[in-house]
Amino acid sequence: MPTAAKPPFAESEGTTPEILVPDPVVCREFGVTPMTLYRWSHDPELNFPPAVKIKERNFRVRRLLETFKGDLLRKALAGRAGRGA
């Protein structure tokens, strides 16, 4: 009897596959253009989630995007607290 294939991007048994978000959706979520997304992807200091290329299309891992959003929010709040606002 054949065994079931592992879901793509699953790290080990019992984990769920990663949710991939196409770059046009990422642009809408962040309110940026594709060129800005390209620049963010190539800026090592920004630590933007890398693209997963599938048949010439770019996708981002949802979990990594949410982590990036959380980091941005923490930095913004820390900046406001530092200004005494």
Protein backbone atom coordinates (compact mmCIF):
# COMPACT_ATOMS: atom_id res chain seq x y z
CA MET A 1 0.00 0.00 0.00
CA PRO A 2 1.54 3.38 -0.98
CA THR A 3 2.13 5.95 1.71
CA ALA A 4 0.65 9.43 1.51
CA ALA A 5 2.93 12.12 0.21
CA LYS A 6 4.09 14.79 2.63
CA PRO A 7 2.42 18.19 2.17
CA PRO A 8 4.70 20.80 0.61
CA PHE A 9 6.79 22.86 3.05
CA ALA A 10 5.85 20.65 6.02
CA GLU A 11 8.83 20.55 8.37
CA SER A 12 8.07 17.21 10.02
CA GLU A 13 5.31 14.74 10.72
CA GLY A 14 2.29 16.29 12.36
CA THR A 15 2.93 19.83 11.15
CA THR A 16 0.64 21.69 8.82
CA PRO A 17 1.86 22.99 5.46
CA GLU A 18 2.84 26.63 5.20
CA ILE A 19 0.30 29.02 3.70
CA LEU A 20 1.74 30.79 0.68
CA VAL A 21 0.59 34.30 -0.27
CA PRO A 22 1.15 35.58 -3.83
CA ASP A 23 3.12 38.80 -4.13
CA PRO A 24 0.19 40.83 -5.56
CA VAL A 25 -1.77 40.05 -2.38
CA VAL A 26 1.25 40.98 -0.24
CA CYS A 27 1.44 44.33 -2.08
CA ARG A 28 -2.23 45.03 -1.30
CA GLU A 29 -1.83 44.04 2.37
CA PHE A 30 1.11 46.41 2.86
CA GLY A 31 -0.20 49.09 0.51
CA VAL A 32 2.97 49.09 -1.59
CA THR A 33 3.89 48.66 -5.26
CA PRO A 34 5.67 45.61 -6.70
CA MET A 35 8.83 47.74 -6.98
CA THR A 36 8.74 48.47 -3.25
CA LEU A 37 8.31 44.76 -2.56
CA TYR A 38 11.34 44.09 -4.77
CA ARG A 39 13.39 46.66 -2.83
CA TRP A 40 12.30 45.25 0.53
CA SER A 41 13.27 41.76 -0.66
CA HIS A 42 16.77 42.96 -1.52
CA ASP A 43 17.37 45.00 1.66
CA PRO A 44 19.20 42.72 4.14
CA GLU A 45 18.67 45.15 7.05
CA LEU A 46 14.88 45.04 6.66
CA ASN A 47 14.70 41.25 7.08
CA PHE A 48 11.64 40.95 4.80
CA PRO A 49 10.50 37.34 4.22
CA PRO A 50 12.17 35.80 1.16
CA ALA A 51 10.16 34.82 -1.90
CA VAL A 52 9.26 31.25 -2.73
CA LYS A 53 9.36 31.03 -6.52
CA ILE A 54 6.88 28.65 -8.16
CA LYS A 55 6.72 28.66 -11.97
CA GLU A 56 8.01 32.23 -12.30
CA ARG A 57 5.60 33.56 -9.63
CA ASN A 58 6.65 34.76 -6.19
CA PHE A 59 4.90 33.79 -2.98
CA ARG A 60 5.64 34.59 0.67
CA VAL A 61 5.08 32.36 3.69
CA ARG A 62 2.14 33.75 5.69
CA ARG A 63 3.74 32.92 9.05
CA LEU A 64 6.88 34.90 8.14
CA LEU A 65 4.80 37.85 6.91
CA GLU A 66 2.92 37.98 10.22
CA THR A 67 6.21 37.86 12.12
CA PHE A 68 7.51 40.73 9.98
CA LYS A 69 4.35 42.77 10.67
CA GLY A 70 4.73 42.15 14.40
CA ASP A 71 8.35 43.28 14.31
CA LEU A 72 7.37 46.48 12.47
CA LEU A 73 4.69 47.19 15.04
CA ARG A 74 7.06 46.62 17.97
CA LYS A 75 9.67 48.94 16.42
CA ALA A 76 7.05 51.62 15.78
CA LEU A 77 5.74 51.42 19.35
CA ALA A 78 9.25 51.49 20.78
CA GLY A 79 9.98 54.58 18.68
CA ARG A 80 6.89 56.34 19.97
CA ALA A 81 7.72 55.47 23.57
CA GLY A 82 11.25 56.80 23.06
CA ARG A 83 9.90 60.16 21.90
CA GLY A 84 7.73 60.55 25.00
CA ALA A 85 4.48 60.52 23.02
